């Protein structure tokens, strides 16, 4: 075998060895990454369960009354369809309430009547806040770990037993938030707003609205 042939064989062997080494390192680092991600999720799950145990003394919210029943009340606003970002301890937007499924994010249909706030969530159990337990509504830019542009979230403060909590909502039509803040605060003050007109709310330029469901 001449020298040129031997050099070619050595180069081919070195190349093959380098390829095997590269794949081995790739698989090693992939495995490390998967283990790290799994560890992070495991820690998050443990923290979630631990928080749930700490909040075990919180009472369950009231169940939503039958939408067509006599206890449903008269809607004061068109239904708010959008996103429910979760419930936290009042004034502590990172301390999510996980008990009773209140920490589960979901799409939402919320209805305000003279009897209270009804929250229907396809991904979790719905709940009801009696009018007597409503405290206030306001605009916020953060709720339950979610940050949006200034005023992008509608936050409703209410009493869960003896504990004040905040629930964060965002309508598919953010312009609806003004009417909701006004109506909730008037209801809290005992000045019940007039019932909403029959039929769906008008939403011009729907394609330009923010906060559509995901």
N, C-alpha and C. Protein backbone atom coordinates (compact mmCIF):
# COMPACT_ATOMS: atom_id res chain seq x y z
N UNK A 1 0.86 -1.19 0.00
CA UNK A 1 0.00 0.00 0.00
C UNK A 1 0.89 1.23 0.00
N UNK A 2 0.69 2.11 -0.99
CA UNK A 2 1.50 3.31 -1.06
C UNK A 2 1.07 4.32 0.00
N UNK A 3 1.89 5.35 0.15
CA UNK A 3 1.65 6.34 1.22
C UNK A 3 0.36 7.10 1.04
N UNK A 4 -0.01 7.41 -0.20
CA UNK A 4 -1.25 8.19 -0.43
C UNK A 4 -2.47 7.39 -0.03
N UNK A 5 -2.45 6.09 -0.33
CA UNK A 5 -3.59 5.24 0.05
C UNK A 5 -3.70 5.13 1.56
N UNK A 6 -2.55 4.98 2.22
CA UNK A 6 -2.57 4.90 3.68
C UNK A 6 -3.08 6.16 4.33
N UNK A 7 -2.70 7.30 3.77
CA UNK A 7 -3.18 8.58 4.30
C UNK A 7 -4.68 8.69 4.16
N UNK A 8 -5.20 8.24 3.01
CA UNK A 8 -6.65 8.30 2.77
C UNK A 8 -7.41 7.44 3.77
N UNK A 9 -6.87 6.23 4.04
CA UNK A 9 -7.52 5.33 5.00
C UNK A 9 -7.52 5.94 6.39
N UNK A 10 -6.40 6.54 6.79
CA UNK A 10 -6.31 7.16 8.11
C UNK A 10 -7.29 8.33 8.25
N UNK A 11 -7.39 9.15 7.20
CA UNK A 11 -8.31 10.29 7.24
C UNK A 11 -9.76 9.82 7.35
N UNK A 12 -10.09 8.75 6.59
CA UNK A 12 -11.45 8.22 6.64
C UNK A 12 -11.77 7.68 8.03
N UNK A 13 -10.78 6.99 8.64
CA UNK A 13 -10.99 6.45 9.97
C UNK A 13 -11.17 7.55 11.00
N UNK A 14 -10.36 8.61 10.87
CA UNK A 14 -10.47 9.73 11.79
C UNK A 14 -11.83 10.43 11.65
N UNK A 15 -12.28 10.57 10.41
CA UNK A 15 -13.58 11.21 10.16
C UNK A 15 -14.70 10.41 10.78
N UNK A 16 -14.65 9.05 10.59
CA UNK A 16 -15.68 8.19 11.15
C UNK A 16 -15.68 8.26 12.66
N UNK A 17 -14.46 8.28 13.25
CA UNK A 17 -14.35 8.37 14.70
C UNK A 17 -14.92 9.68 15.21
N UNK A 18 -14.66 10.77 14.49
CA UNK A 18 -15.18 12.09 14.89
C UNK A 18 -16.70 12.10 14.83
N UNK A 19 -17.27 11.46 13.77
CA UNK A 19 -18.73 11.43 13.65
C UNK A 19 -19.35 10.67 14.81
N UNK A 20 -18.74 9.51 15.16
CA UNK A 20 -19.26 8.73 16.28
C UNK A 20 -19.18 9.52 17.58
N UNK A 21 -18.03 10.21 17.76
CA UNK A 21 -17.85 11.03 18.96
C UNK A 21 -18.88 12.15 19.02
N UNK A 22 -19.14 12.82 17.87
CA UNK A 22 -20.12 13.90 17.83
C UNK A 22 -21.51 13.39 18.20
N UNK A 23 -21.91 12.24 17.65
CA UNK A 23 -23.23 11.69 17.96
C UNK A 23 -23.32 11.29 19.44
N UNK A 24 -22.24 10.76 19.97
CA UNK A 24 -22.24 10.40 21.38
C UNK A 24 -22.43 11.60 22.27
N UNK A 25 -21.74 12.70 21.96
CA UNK A 25 -21.89 13.93 22.75
C UNK A 25 -23.30 14.50 22.59
N UNK A 26 -23.81 14.42 21.36
CA UNK A 26 -25.16 14.94 21.11
C UNK A 26 -26.19 14.18 21.96
N UNK A 27 -26.09 12.83 21.95
CA UNK A 27 -27.03 12.03 22.73
C UNK A 27 -26.85 12.28 24.23
N UNK A 28 -25.59 12.45 24.66
CA UNK A 28 -25.34 12.72 26.08
C UNK A 28 -25.98 14.02 26.52
N UNK A 29 -25.76 15.09 25.75
CA UNK A 29 -26.31 16.39 26.13
C UNK A 29 -27.83 16.42 25.99
N UNK A 30 -28.36 15.67 25.02
CA UNK A 30 -29.82 15.57 24.90
C UNK A 30 -30.41 14.90 26.14
N UNK A 31 -29.74 13.83 26.60
CA UNK A 31 -30.22 13.15 27.79
C UNK A 31 -30.16 14.05 29.02
N UNK A 32 -29.07 14.80 29.15
CA UNK A 32 -28.94 15.73 30.27
C UNK A 32 -30.05 16.78 30.24
N UNK A 33 -30.32 17.30 29.04
CA UNK A 33 -31.37 18.32 28.89
C UNK A 33 -32.74 17.76 29.27
N UNK A 34 -33.03 16.54 28.81
CA UNK A 34 -34.33 15.92 29.12
C UNK A 34 -34.47 15.71 30.62
N UNK A 35 -33.40 15.25 31.27
CA UNK A 35 -33.44 15.03 32.72
C UNK A 35 -33.67 16.35 33.46
N UNK A 36 -32.98 17.41 33.01
CA UNK A 36 -33.16 18.72 33.66
C UNK A 36 -34.59 19.22 33.52
N UNK A 37 -35.13 19.12 32.30
CA UNK A 37 -36.51 19.56 32.08
C UNK A 37 -37.48 18.75 32.93
N UNK A 38 -37.27 17.43 32.96
CA UNK A 38 -38.14 16.59 33.78
C UNK A 38 -38.04 16.95 35.26
N UNK A 39 -36.82 17.28 35.71
CA UNK A 39 -36.64 17.68 37.10
C UNK A 39 -37.36 18.97 37.42
N UNK A 40 -37.29 19.93 36.51
CA UNK A 40 -37.97 21.21 36.72
C UNK A 40 -39.48 21.01 36.83
N UNK A 41 -40.04 20.19 35.91
CA UNK A 41 -41.47 19.94 35.95
C UNK A 41 -41.87 19.18 37.22
N UNK A 42 -41.02 18.27 37.66
CA UNK A 42 -41.32 17.54 38.89
C UNK A 42 -41.35 18.48 40.09
N UNK A 43 -40.39 19.41 40.14
CA UNK A 43 -40.36 20.39 41.23
C UNK A 43 -41.58 21.30 41.19
N UNK A 44 -41.97 21.72 39.96
CA UNK A 44 -43.16 22.56 39.84
C UNK A 44 -44.40 21.82 40.30
N UNK A 45 -44.50 20.54 39.93
CA UNK A 45 -45.66 19.75 40.34
C UNK A 45 -45.71 19.58 41.86
N UNK A 46 -44.53 19.32 42.46
CA UNK A 46 -44.49 19.19 43.91
C UNK A 46 -44.88 20.49 44.60
N UNK A 47 -44.41 21.62 44.06
CA UNK A 47 -44.76 22.92 44.64
C UNK A 47 -46.25 23.18 44.51
N UNK A 48 -46.82 22.80 43.35
CA UNK A 48 -48.26 22.98 43.13
C UNK A 48 -49.06 22.16 44.14
N UNK A 49 -48.67 20.88 44.34
CA UNK A 49 -49.37 20.02 45.28
C UNK A 49 -49.21 20.52 46.71
N UNK A 50 -48.00 21.00 47.03
CA UNK A 50 -47.75 21.52 48.39
C UNK A 50 -48.61 22.74 48.65
N UNK A 51 -48.71 23.61 47.64
CA UNK A 51 -49.54 24.81 47.81
C UNK A 51 -51.00 24.41 47.99
N UNK A 52 -51.43 23.40 47.24
CA UNK A 52 -52.80 22.91 47.39
C UNK A 52 -53.07 22.42 48.80
N UNK A 53 -52.09 21.73 49.40
CA UNK A 53 -52.28 21.25 50.77
C UNK A 53 -52.34 22.42 51.76
N UNK A 54 -51.50 23.45 51.51
CA UNK A 54 -51.54 24.62 52.39
C UNK A 54 -52.88 25.35 52.30
N UNK A 55 -53.52 25.26 51.14
CA UNK A 55 -54.77 25.98 50.94
C UNK A 55 -56.00 25.09 51.17
N UNK A 56 -55.76 23.93 51.78
CA UNK A 56 -56.86 22.96 51.96
C UNK A 56 -57.99 23.53 52.82
N UNK A 57 -57.67 24.52 53.66
CA UNK A 57 -58.71 25.08 54.54
C UNK A 57 -59.60 26.09 53.83
N UNK A 58 -59.21 26.49 52.62
CA UNK A 58 -60.07 27.42 51.88
C UNK A 58 -61.37 26.72 51.48
N UNK A 59 -62.50 27.35 51.71
CA UNK A 59 -63.77 26.72 51.32
C UNK A 59 -63.91 26.69 49.81
N UNK A 60 -64.67 25.75 49.32
CA UNK A 60 -64.94 25.69 47.89
C UNK A 60 -65.87 26.84 47.51
N UNK A 61 -65.67 27.43 46.33
CA UNK A 61 -66.60 28.48 45.91
C UNK A 61 -67.97 27.88 45.63
N UNK A 62 -68.96 28.73 45.61
CA UNK A 62 -70.31 28.27 45.33
C UNK A 62 -70.41 27.74 43.90
N UNK A 63 -71.27 26.77 43.71
CA UNK A 63 -71.52 26.26 42.37
C UNK A 63 -72.40 27.24 41.61
N UNK A 64 -72.17 27.32 40.32
CA UNK A 64 -72.98 28.22 39.50
C UNK A 64 -74.41 27.71 39.42
N UNK A 65 -75.39 28.58 39.58
CA UNK A 65 -76.79 28.15 39.47
C UNK A 65 -77.12 27.78 38.03
N UNK A 66 -78.16 27.03 37.86
CA UNK A 66 -78.62 26.65 36.53
C UNK A 66 -78.87 27.92 35.72
N UNK A 67 -78.25 27.99 34.54
CA UNK A 67 -78.36 29.20 33.72
C UNK A 67 -79.80 29.53 33.36
N UNK A 68 -80.65 28.53 33.30
CA UNK A 68 -82.05 28.76 32.92
C UNK A 68 -82.98 28.67 34.13
N UNK A 69 -82.41 28.52 35.31
CA UNK A 69 -83.24 28.36 36.50
C UNK A 69 -83.64 29.69 37.11
N UNK A 70 -84.50 29.64 38.12
CA UNK A 70 -85.00 30.87 38.75
C UNK A 70 -83.94 31.61 39.54
N UNK A 71 -82.83 30.93 39.91
CA UNK A 71 -81.79 31.57 40.70
C UNK A 71 -80.69 32.18 39.85
N UNK A 72 -80.83 32.09 38.53
CA UNK A 72 -79.76 32.57 37.64
C UNK A 72 -79.64 34.09 37.67
N UNK A 73 -80.75 34.78 37.84
CA UNK A 73 -80.72 36.25 37.82
C UNK A 73 -80.79 36.78 36.39
N UNK A 74 -80.85 38.11 36.29
CA UNK A 74 -80.94 38.78 34.99
C UNK A 74 -79.58 39.34 34.61
N UNK A 75 -79.04 38.97 33.45
CA UNK A 75 -77.72 39.49 33.06
C UNK A 75 -77.70 41.02 33.02
N UNK A 76 -76.67 41.60 33.62
CA UNK A 76 -76.51 43.05 33.62
C UNK A 76 -75.62 43.51 32.47
N UNK A 77 -74.89 42.55 31.88
CA UNK A 77 -73.99 42.82 30.76
C UNK A 77 -74.04 41.62 29.81
N UNK A 78 -73.69 41.82 28.56
CA UNK A 78 -73.52 40.66 27.69
C UNK A 78 -72.43 39.75 28.24
N UNK A 79 -72.52 38.48 27.97
CA UNK A 79 -71.53 37.52 28.45
C UNK A 79 -70.12 37.91 28.02
N UNK A 80 -69.19 37.84 28.96
CA UNK A 80 -67.77 38.09 28.66
C UNK A 80 -67.15 36.76 28.24
N UNK A 81 -66.75 36.65 26.99
CA UNK A 81 -66.07 35.46 26.49
C UNK A 81 -64.60 35.79 26.29
N UNK A 82 -63.73 34.97 26.83
CA UNK A 82 -62.30 35.26 26.71
C UNK A 82 -61.47 34.24 27.45
N UNK A 83 -60.54 34.72 28.28
CA UNK A 83 -59.62 33.86 29.01
C UNK A 83 -59.73 34.11 30.52
N UNK A 84 -59.67 33.01 31.25
CA UNK A 84 -59.56 33.07 32.72
C UNK A 84 -58.12 32.70 33.05
N UNK A 85 -57.40 33.63 33.70
CA UNK A 85 -55.98 33.40 33.95
C UNK A 85 -55.70 32.83 35.34
N UNK A 86 -56.71 32.73 36.16
CA UNK A 86 -56.51 32.14 37.48
C UNK A 86 -56.92 33.07 38.59
N UNK A 87 -56.86 32.53 39.81
CA UNK A 87 -57.20 33.29 41.01
C UNK A 87 -56.00 33.28 41.95
N UNK A 88 -55.72 34.42 42.55
CA UNK A 88 -54.60 34.55 43.48
C UNK A 88 -55.09 35.15 44.79
N UNK A 89 -54.23 35.12 45.78
CA UNK A 89 -54.52 35.86 47.00
C UNK A 89 -54.57 37.34 46.66
N UNK A 90 -55.51 38.06 47.22
CA UNK A 90 -55.72 39.46 46.85
C UNK A 90 -54.45 40.28 47.04
N UNK A 91 -54.08 41.02 45.98
CA UNK A 91 -52.92 41.87 46.04
C UNK A 91 -51.60 41.16 45.84
N UNK A 92 -51.62 39.83 45.67
CA UNK A 92 -50.39 39.05 45.50
C UNK A 92 -50.52 38.24 44.20
N UNK A 93 -50.18 38.87 43.09
CA UNK A 93 -50.50 38.33 41.78
C UNK A 93 -49.71 37.08 41.42
N UNK A 94 -48.69 36.73 42.19
CA UNK A 94 -47.92 35.51 41.93
C UNK A 94 -48.35 34.35 42.83
N UNK A 95 -49.13 34.63 43.87
CA UNK A 95 -49.54 33.58 44.80
C UNK A 95 -50.87 32.98 44.38
N UNK A 96 -50.78 32.05 43.44
CA UNK A 96 -51.99 31.50 42.84
C UNK A 96 -52.72 30.59 43.81
N UNK A 97 -54.04 30.67 43.78
CA UNK A 97 -54.89 29.76 44.55
C UNK A 97 -55.11 28.52 43.68
N UNK A 98 -54.61 27.38 44.14
CA UNK A 98 -54.76 26.15 43.36
C UNK A 98 -55.88 25.27 43.89
N UNK A 99 -56.32 25.54 45.11
CA UNK A 99 -57.39 24.74 45.70
C UNK A 99 -58.66 24.85 44.87
N UNK A 100 -59.39 23.74 44.79
CA UNK A 100 -60.69 23.68 44.12
C UNK A 100 -60.61 24.04 42.63
N UNK A 101 -59.43 23.88 42.03
CA UNK A 101 -59.30 24.14 40.60
C UNK A 101 -59.27 25.60 40.22
N UNK A 102 -59.17 26.49 41.20
CA UNK A 102 -59.22 27.92 40.89
C UNK A 102 -57.95 28.41 40.19
N UNK A 103 -56.89 27.61 40.21
CA UNK A 103 -55.66 28.02 39.54
C UNK A 103 -55.58 27.58 38.09
N UNK A 104 -56.56 26.83 37.61
CA UNK A 104 -56.52 26.29 36.25
C UNK A 104 -56.89 27.35 35.22
N UNK A 105 -55.99 27.63 34.30
CA UNK A 105 -56.29 28.57 33.23
C UNK A 105 -57.21 27.93 32.20
N UNK A 106 -58.06 28.76 31.61
CA UNK A 106 -59.05 28.20 30.69
C UNK A 106 -59.68 29.32 29.88
N UNK A 107 -60.34 28.92 28.80
CA UNK A 107 -61.27 29.85 28.20
C UNK A 107 -62.42 30.05 29.18
N UNK A 108 -63.17 31.11 29.02
CA UNK A 108 -64.20 31.42 30.00
C UNK A 108 -65.38 32.13 29.36
N UNK A 109 -66.54 31.89 29.93
CA UNK A 109 -67.74 32.68 29.67
C UNK A 109 -68.22 33.17 31.03
N UNK A 110 -68.12 34.48 31.26
CA UNK A 110 -68.50 35.05 32.55
C UNK A 110 -69.77 35.88 32.39
N UNK A 111 -70.66 35.73 33.35
CA UNK A 111 -71.94 36.44 33.32
C UNK A 111 -72.15 37.16 34.65
N UNK A 112 -72.50 38.43 34.58
CA UNK A 112 -72.79 39.22 35.78
C UNK A 112 -74.28 39.47 35.85
N UNK A 113 -74.89 39.07 36.97
CA UNK A 113 -76.30 39.34 37.20
C UNK A 113 -76.43 40.10 38.52
N UNK A 114 -77.65 40.48 38.85
CA UNK A 114 -77.84 41.18 40.12
C UNK A 114 -77.58 40.25 41.31
N UNK A 115 -77.47 38.94 41.03
CA UNK A 115 -77.22 37.98 42.10
C UNK A 115 -75.75 37.63 42.26
N UNK A 116 -74.92 38.01 41.29
CA UNK A 116 -73.50 37.74 41.43
C UNK A 116 -72.82 37.45 40.10
N UNK A 117 -71.61 36.92 40.19
CA UNK A 117 -70.77 36.65 39.03
C UNK A 117 -70.69 35.15 38.79
N UNK A 118 -71.09 34.74 37.61
CA UNK A 118 -71.04 33.33 37.20
C UNK A 118 -69.85 33.15 36.28
N UNK A 119 -69.00 32.16 36.57
CA UNK A 119 -67.81 31.88 35.77
C UNK A 119 -67.89 30.46 35.25
N UNK A 120 -68.04 30.31 33.95
CA UNK A 120 -68.09 28.99 33.31
C UNK A 120 -66.79 28.74 32.57
N UNK A 121 -66.12 27.60 32.89
CA UNK A 121 -64.83 27.27 32.29
C UNK A 121 -64.89 25.87 31.70
N UNK A 122 -64.69 25.72 30.39
CA UNK A 122 -64.72 24.39 29.79
C UNK A 122 -63.64 23.46 30.34
N UNK A 123 -62.48 24.00 30.72
CA UNK A 123 -61.36 23.17 31.15
C UNK A 123 -61.37 22.87 32.65
N UNK A 124 -62.31 23.43 33.39
CA UNK A 124 -62.37 23.22 34.83
C UNK A 124 -63.79 23.52 35.31
N UNK A 125 -64.04 23.20 36.59
CA UNK A 125 -65.37 23.43 37.14
C UNK A 125 -65.69 24.92 37.19
N UNK A 126 -66.91 25.25 36.83
CA UNK A 126 -67.35 26.63 36.95
C UNK A 126 -67.61 26.97 38.41
N UNK A 127 -67.74 28.26 38.69
CA UNK A 127 -68.05 28.67 40.06
C UNK A 127 -68.87 29.95 40.04
N UNK A 128 -69.37 30.31 41.21
CA UNK A 128 -70.27 31.46 41.32
C UNK A 128 -69.85 32.31 42.52
N UNK A 129 -69.80 33.63 42.32
CA UNK A 129 -69.49 34.57 43.41
C UNK A 129 -70.76 35.36 43.71
N UNK A 130 -71.41 35.11 44.83
CA UNK A 130 -72.61 35.89 45.17
C UNK A 130 -72.30 37.39 45.21
N UNK A 131 -73.29 38.20 44.88
CA UNK A 131 -73.09 39.65 44.86
C UNK A 131 -72.55 40.17 46.19
N UNK A 132 -72.99 39.57 47.30
CA UNK A 132 -72.56 40.02 48.62
C UNK A 132 -71.07 39.76 48.86
N UNK A 133 -70.47 38.85 48.07
CA UNK A 133 -69.05 38.53 48.25
C UNK A 133 -68.15 39.29 47.27
N UNK A 134 -68.73 40.02 46.35
CA UNK A 134 -67.92 40.83 45.43
C UNK A 134 -67.37 42.05 46.18
N UNK A 135 -66.11 42.40 45.92
CA UNK A 135 -65.48 43.52 46.60
C UNK A 135 -65.21 44.68 45.65
N UNK A 136 -64.61 44.39 44.50
CA UNK A 136 -64.34 45.44 43.52
C UNK A 136 -63.88 44.81 42.21
N UNK A 137 -63.88 45.64 41.15
CA UNK A 137 -63.28 45.25 39.87
C UNK A 137 -62.37 46.40 39.44
N UNK A 138 -61.29 46.06 38.77
CA UNK A 138 -60.32 47.08 38.37
C UNK A 138 -59.51 46.57 37.18
N UNK A 139 -58.75 47.48 36.58
CA UNK A 139 -57.82 47.12 35.51
C UNK A 139 -56.46 46.79 36.12
N UNK A 140 -55.81 45.77 35.58
CA UNK A 140 -54.46 45.42 36.01
C UNK A 140 -53.66 44.99 34.78
N UNK A 141 -52.35 44.96 34.93
CA UNK A 141 -51.50 44.46 33.85
C UNK A 141 -50.92 43.09 34.17
N UNK A 142 -51.19 42.57 35.38
CA UNK A 142 -50.66 41.27 35.77
C UNK A 142 -51.63 40.57 36.70
N UNK A 143 -51.77 39.26 36.49
CA UNK A 143 -52.61 38.45 37.37
C UNK A 143 -52.21 36.99 37.20
N UNK A 144 -52.06 36.29 38.31
CA UNK A 144 -51.76 34.85 38.30
C UNK A 144 -50.55 34.53 37.43
N UNK A 145 -49.50 35.35 37.54
CA UNK A 145 -48.29 35.10 36.81
C UNK A 145 -48.31 35.52 35.35
N UNK A 146 -49.40 36.11 34.89
CA UNK A 146 -49.53 36.55 33.50
C UNK A 146 -49.43 38.06 33.44
N UNK A 147 -48.56 38.55 32.56
CA UNK A 147 -48.37 39.99 32.40
C UNK A 147 -48.82 40.39 31.00
N UNK A 148 -49.64 41.42 30.93
CA UNK A 148 -50.16 41.94 29.66
C UNK A 148 -49.99 43.46 29.67
N UNK A 149 -50.22 44.11 28.52
CA UNK A 149 -50.11 45.58 28.50
C UNK A 149 -50.98 46.22 29.57
N UNK A 150 -50.59 47.40 29.99
CA UNK A 150 -51.29 48.14 31.04
C UNK A 150 -52.80 48.12 30.81
N UNK A 151 -53.55 47.69 31.83
CA UNK A 151 -55.00 47.65 31.73
C UNK A 151 -55.53 46.50 30.92
N UNK A 152 -54.65 45.55 30.52
CA UNK A 152 -55.09 44.46 29.66
C UNK A 152 -55.84 43.37 30.37
N UNK A 153 -55.89 43.42 31.69
CA UNK A 153 -56.59 42.40 32.46
C UNK A 153 -57.70 43.02 33.31
N UNK A 154 -58.79 42.31 33.40
CA UNK A 154 -59.88 42.68 34.29
C UNK A 154 -59.73 41.81 35.53
N UNK A 155 -59.53 42.44 36.68
CA UNK A 155 -59.35 41.70 37.94
C UNK A 155 -60.54 41.98 38.84
N UNK A 156 -61.15 40.90 39.32
CA UNK A 156 -62.29 41.00 40.23
C UNK A 156 -61.85 40.47 41.59
N UNK A 157 -61.97 41.31 42.61
CA UNK A 157 -61.65 40.89 43.98
C UNK A 157 -62.93 40.43 44.67
N UNK A 158 -62.84 39.28 45.34
CA UNK A 158 -64.03 38.73 46.01
C UNK A 158 -63.63 37.94 47.25
N UNK A 159 -64.63 37.63 48.07
CA UNK A 159 -64.38 36.90 49.31
C UNK A 159 -64.63 35.42 49.09
N UNK A 160 -63.61 34.63 49.42
CA UNK A 160 -63.74 33.17 49.43
C UNK A 160 -63.69 32.76 50.90
N UNK A 161 -64.86 32.64 51.49
CA UNK A 161 -64.90 32.46 52.94
C UNK A 161 -64.44 33.75 53.61
N UNK A 162 -63.38 33.66 54.42
CA UNK A 162 -62.83 34.84 55.09
C UNK A 162 -61.61 35.39 54.37
N UNK A 163 -61.30 34.87 53.19
CA UNK A 163 -60.10 35.25 52.46
C UNK A 163 -60.44 36.06 51.22
N UNK A 164 -59.73 37.16 51.03
CA UNK A 164 -59.91 37.96 49.82
C UNK A 164 -59.02 37.39 48.71
N UNK A 165 -59.61 37.22 47.54
CA UNK A 165 -58.87 36.69 46.39
C UNK A 165 -59.14 37.55 45.16
N UNK A 166 -58.23 37.46 44.19
CA UNK A 166 -58.37 38.17 42.92
C UNK A 166 -58.49 37.16 41.79
N UNK A 167 -59.45 37.35 40.91
CA UNK A 167 -59.57 36.51 39.72
C UNK A 167 -59.30 37.36 38.49
N UNK A 168 -58.41 36.88 37.62
CA UNK A 168 -58.01 37.62 36.43
C UNK A 168 -58.71 37.13 35.18
N UNK A 169 -59.35 38.04 34.46
CA UNK A 169 -60.07 37.73 33.23
C UNK A 169 -59.60 38.65 32.11
N UNK A 170 -59.71 38.19 30.90
CA UNK A 170 -59.44 39.04 29.74
C UNK A 170 -60.47 38.71 28.66
N UNK A 171 -61.24 39.68 28.29
CA UNK A 171 -62.27 39.49 27.27
C UNK A 171 -61.63 39.36 25.89
N UNK A 172 -62.29 38.63 25.00
CA UNK A 172 -61.86 38.62 23.60
C UNK A 172 -61.95 40.01 23.00
N UNK A 173 -62.77 40.85 23.62
CA UNK A 173 -62.95 42.24 23.18
C UNK A 173 -62.61 43.13 24.37
N UNK A 174 -61.36 43.58 24.41
CA UNK A 174 -60.84 44.27 25.59
C UNK A 174 -61.64 45.54 25.92
N UNK A 175 -62.25 46.13 24.92
CA UNK A 175 -63.05 47.34 25.17
C UNK A 175 -64.21 47.06 26.13
N UNK A 176 -64.59 45.77 26.29
CA UNK A 176 -65.68 45.42 27.22
C UNK A 176 -65.28 45.63 28.67
N UNK A 177 -63.98 45.68 28.96
CA UNK A 177 -63.54 45.77 30.35
C UNK A 177 -64.09 47.01 31.06
N UNK A 178 -64.19 48.13 30.34
CA UNK A 178 -64.71 49.36 30.97
C UNK A 178 -66.09 49.13 31.57
N UNK A 179 -66.98 48.54 30.77
CA UNK A 179 -68.35 48.31 31.23
C UNK A 179 -68.38 47.34 32.40
N UNK A 180 -67.48 46.35 32.39
CA UNK A 180 -67.45 45.38 33.47
C UNK A 180 -66.97 46.00 34.78
N UNK A 181 -65.93 46.80 34.71
CA UNK A 181 -65.46 47.46 35.93
C UNK A 181 -66.56 48.34 36.52
N UNK A 182 -67.22 49.09 35.66
CA UNK A 182 -68.29 49.98 36.13
C UNK A 182 -69.45 49.18 36.73
N UNK A 183 -69.87 48.12 36.04
CA UNK A 183 -71.04 47.36 36.50
C UNK A 183 -70.75 46.62 37.81
N UNK A 184 -69.58 45.99 37.92
CA UNK A 184 -69.25 45.27 39.16
C UNK A 184 -69.18 46.24 40.34
N UNK A 185 -68.53 47.36 40.15
CA UNK A 185 -68.39 48.31 41.26
C UNK A 185 -69.72 48.95 41.64
N UNK A 186 -70.58 49.16 40.67
CA UNK A 186 -71.92 49.67 40.99
C UNK A 186 -72.72 48.63 41.77
N UNK A 187 -72.59 47.35 41.36
CA UNK A 187 -73.30 46.29 42.06
C UNK A 187 -72.81 46.19 43.50
N UNK A 188 -71.51 46.31 43.70
CA UNK A 188 -70.94 46.27 45.06
C UNK A 188 -71.49 47.42 45.91
N UNK A 189 -71.65 48.58 45.28
CA UNK A 189 -72.14 49.76 46.00
C UNK A 189 -73.65 49.73 46.22
N UNK A 190 -74.32 48.72 45.69
CA UNK A 190 -75.77 48.62 45.85
C UNK A 190 -76.55 49.34 44.78
N UNK A 191 -75.86 49.90 43.79
CA UNK A 191 -76.51 50.59 42.68
C UNK A 191 -76.57 49.62 41.50
N UNK A 192 -77.57 48.75 41.50
CA UNK A 192 -77.65 47.69 40.49
C UNK A 192 -77.85 48.29 39.10
N UNK A 193 -76.95 48.02 38.16
CA UNK A 193 -77.09 48.57 36.80
C UNK A 193 -78.34 48.00 36.12
N UNK A 194 -78.80 48.71 35.11
CA UNK A 194 -79.92 48.20 34.32
C UNK A 194 -79.50 46.92 33.61
N UNK A 195 -80.50 46.06 33.38
CA UNK A 195 -80.22 44.80 32.70
C UNK A 195 -79.71 45.04 31.29
N UNK A 196 -78.89 44.12 30.81
CA UNK A 196 -78.35 44.23 29.45
C UNK A 196 -79.46 44.04 28.44
N UNK A 197 -79.41 44.73 27.31
CA UNK A 197 -80.41 44.50 26.26
C UNK A 197 -80.30 43.09 25.72
N UNK A 198 -81.39 42.58 25.24
CA UNK A 198 -81.40 41.22 24.69
C UNK A 198 -80.52 41.14 23.46
N UNK A 199 -79.94 39.97 23.24
CA UNK A 199 -79.11 39.76 22.05
C UNK A 199 -77.65 39.95 22.35
N UNK A 200 -76.78 39.51 21.42
CA UNK A 200 -75.33 39.62 21.63
C UNK A 200 -74.85 41.06 21.59
N UNK A 201 -73.73 41.31 22.25
CA UNK A 201 -73.15 42.65 22.22
C UNK A 201 -72.58 42.94 20.85
N UNK A 202 -72.63 44.20 20.47
CA UNK A 202 -72.04 44.60 19.19
C UNK A 202 -70.56 44.81 19.38
N UNK A 203 -69.77 44.24 18.47
CA UNK A 203 -68.32 44.39 18.55
C UNK A 203 -67.80 44.75 17.17
N UNK A 204 -67.77 46.02 16.83
CA UNK A 204 -67.26 46.42 15.53
C UNK A 204 -65.77 46.13 15.42
N UNK A 205 -65.34 45.91 14.19
CA UNK A 205 -63.93 45.67 13.89
C UNK A 205 -63.38 44.53 14.72
N UNK A 206 -64.12 43.41 14.74
CA UNK A 206 -63.74 42.27 15.55
C UNK A 206 -62.33 41.81 15.22
N UNK A 207 -61.95 41.88 13.96
CA UNK A 207 -60.63 41.39 13.55
C UNK A 207 -59.49 42.22 14.13
N UNK A 208 -59.81 43.42 14.62
CA UNK A 208 -58.77 44.27 15.18
C UNK A 208 -58.66 44.14 16.68
N UNK A 209 -59.52 43.31 17.30
CA UNK A 209 -59.51 43.21 18.75
C UNK A 209 -58.39 42.29 19.21
N UNK A 210 -57.89 42.54 20.45
CA UNK A 210 -56.84 41.72 21.02
C UNK A 210 -57.46 40.72 21.99
N UNK A 211 -56.62 39.76 22.39
CA UNK A 211 -57.03 38.85 23.45
C UNK A 211 -57.92 37.73 22.99
N UNK A 212 -57.90 37.33 21.72
CA UNK A 212 -58.73 36.24 21.26
C UNK A 212 -58.32 34.95 21.94
N UNK A 213 -59.23 34.01 21.94
CA UNK A 213 -58.96 32.76 22.63
C UNK A 213 -57.81 32.02 21.99
N UNK A 214 -57.12 31.27 22.82
CA UNK A 214 -56.00 30.47 22.35
C UNK A 214 -56.28 29.02 22.55
